[in-house]
Amino acid sequence: MKSENEYLKSSLKDCGFQEKTAARYMYYAEASQISDMLRLLKQQRRKLMVDLHTAQKKVDTIDFMIRSVEQKKEENHEQLYL
């Protein structure tokens, strides 16, 4: 079973914290510097949201391309039967 410290390190890694930032967070946690902990968590959340929006734009572009190709395929299929 993981200790609380190991669980926290694992959670920070899962959230995409860089090793240096995770170490700083751990220092703040040990020193009960709540405002600094929150600042780091909010910074990481903002970064993840930017990454999420960037990925969503890519997915939207791929979806558009898929619809375009499917539409062309459908048009070509219909032309065969005219």
Protein backbone atom coordinates (compact mmCIF):
# COMPACT_ATOMS: atom_id res chain seq x y z
CA MET A 1 0.00 0.00 0.00
CA LYS A 2 1.29 3.43 -0.94
CA SER A 3 2.14 5.96 1.71
CA GLU A 4 0.44 9.35 1.58
CA ASN A 5 3.67 10.85 0.25
CA GLU A 6 3.96 8.25 -2.52
CA TYR A 7 0.31 8.72 -3.43
CA LEU A 8 0.80 12.49 -3.67
CA LYS A 9 3.89 12.09 -5.89
CA SER A 10 1.98 9.66 -8.10
CA SER A 11 -0.98 12.03 -8.35
CA LEU A 12 1.26 14.95 -9.32
CA LYS A 13 2.92 12.84 -12.00
CA ASP A 14 -0.49 11.71 -13.29
CA CYS A 15 -1.50 15.39 -13.54
CA GLY A 16 1.53 16.10 -15.71
CA PHE A 17 3.63 17.99 -13.20
CA GLN A 18 7.28 18.32 -14.17
CA GLU A 19 9.63 16.71 -11.63
CA LYS A 20 10.97 20.07 -10.44
CA THR A 21 7.48 21.54 -9.99
CA ALA A 22 6.29 18.39 -8.20
CA ALA A 23 9.24 18.66 -5.80
CA ARG A 24 8.34 22.29 -5.13
CA TYR A 25 4.73 21.26 -4.49
CA MET A 26 5.91 18.57 -2.06
CA TYR A 27 8.01 21.17 -0.24
CA TYR A 28 5.01 23.48 0.03
CA ALA A 29 2.84 20.60 1.26
CA GLU A 30 5.34 19.68 3.99
CA ALA A 31 5.52 23.34 5.03
CA SER A 32 1.71 23.69 4.91
CA GLN A 33 1.99 26.54 2.43
CA ILE A 34 -1.55 26.16 1.16
CA SER A 35 -1.64 29.27 -1.04
CA ASP A 36 1.53 28.16 -2.86
CA MET A 37 0.12 24.65 -3.30
CA LEU A 38 -3.07 26.07 -4.77
CA ARG A 39 -1.10 28.37 -7.07
CA LEU A 40 0.84 25.43 -8.52
CA LEU A 41 -2.30 23.33 -8.90
CA LYS A 42 -4.13 26.15 -10.69
CA GLN A 43 -1.15 26.79 -12.98
CA GLN A 44 -1.07 23.13 -13.97
CA ARG A 45 -4.84 23.10 -14.51
CA ARG A 46 -4.57 26.11 -16.85
CA LYS A 47 -1.81 24.34 -18.80
CA LEU A 48 -3.91 21.18 -19.08
CA MET A 49 -6.91 23.19 -20.28
CA VAL A 50 -4.80 24.83 -23.01
CA ASP A 51 -3.57 21.37 -24.05
CA LEU A 52 -7.15 20.09 -24.03
CA HIS A 53 -8.39 22.91 -26.24
CA THR A 54 -5.47 22.39 -28.64
CA ALA A 55 -6.29 18.68 -28.87
CA GLN A 56 -10.00 19.47 -29.36
CA LYS A 57 -9.16 21.71 -32.34
CA LYS A 58 -7.20 18.82 -33.86
CA VAL A 59 -10.11 16.43 -33.32
CA ASP A 60 -12.50 18.95 -34.87
CA THR A 61 -10.26 19.21 -37.94
CA ILE A 62 -10.07 15.43 -38.31
CA ASP A 63 -13.86 15.15 -37.93
CA PHE A 64 -14.31 17.74 -40.69
CA MET A 65 -11.90 15.85 -42.95
CA ILE A 66 -13.71 12.55 -42.28
CA ARG A 67 -17.08 14.12 -43.12
CA SER A 68 -15.63 15.63 -46.32
CA VAL A 69 -14.18 12.31 -47.48
CA GLU A 70 -17.37 10.43 -46.59
CA GLN A 71 -19.40 13.01 -48.51
CA LYS A 72 -17.16 12.61 -51.57
CA LYS A 73 -17.46 8.85 -51.31
CA GLU A 74 -21.24 9.14 -51.15
CA GLU A 75 -21.31 11.48 -54.17
CA ASN A 76 -19.11 9.10 -56.18
CA HIS A 77 -21.31 6.15 -55.19
CA GLU A 78 -24.44 8.00 -56.31
CA GLN A 79 -22.85 8.89 -59.65
CA LEU A 80 -22.30 5.22 -60.40
CA TYR A 81 -26.05 4.61 -60.28
CA LEU A 82 -27.13 7.59 -62.39
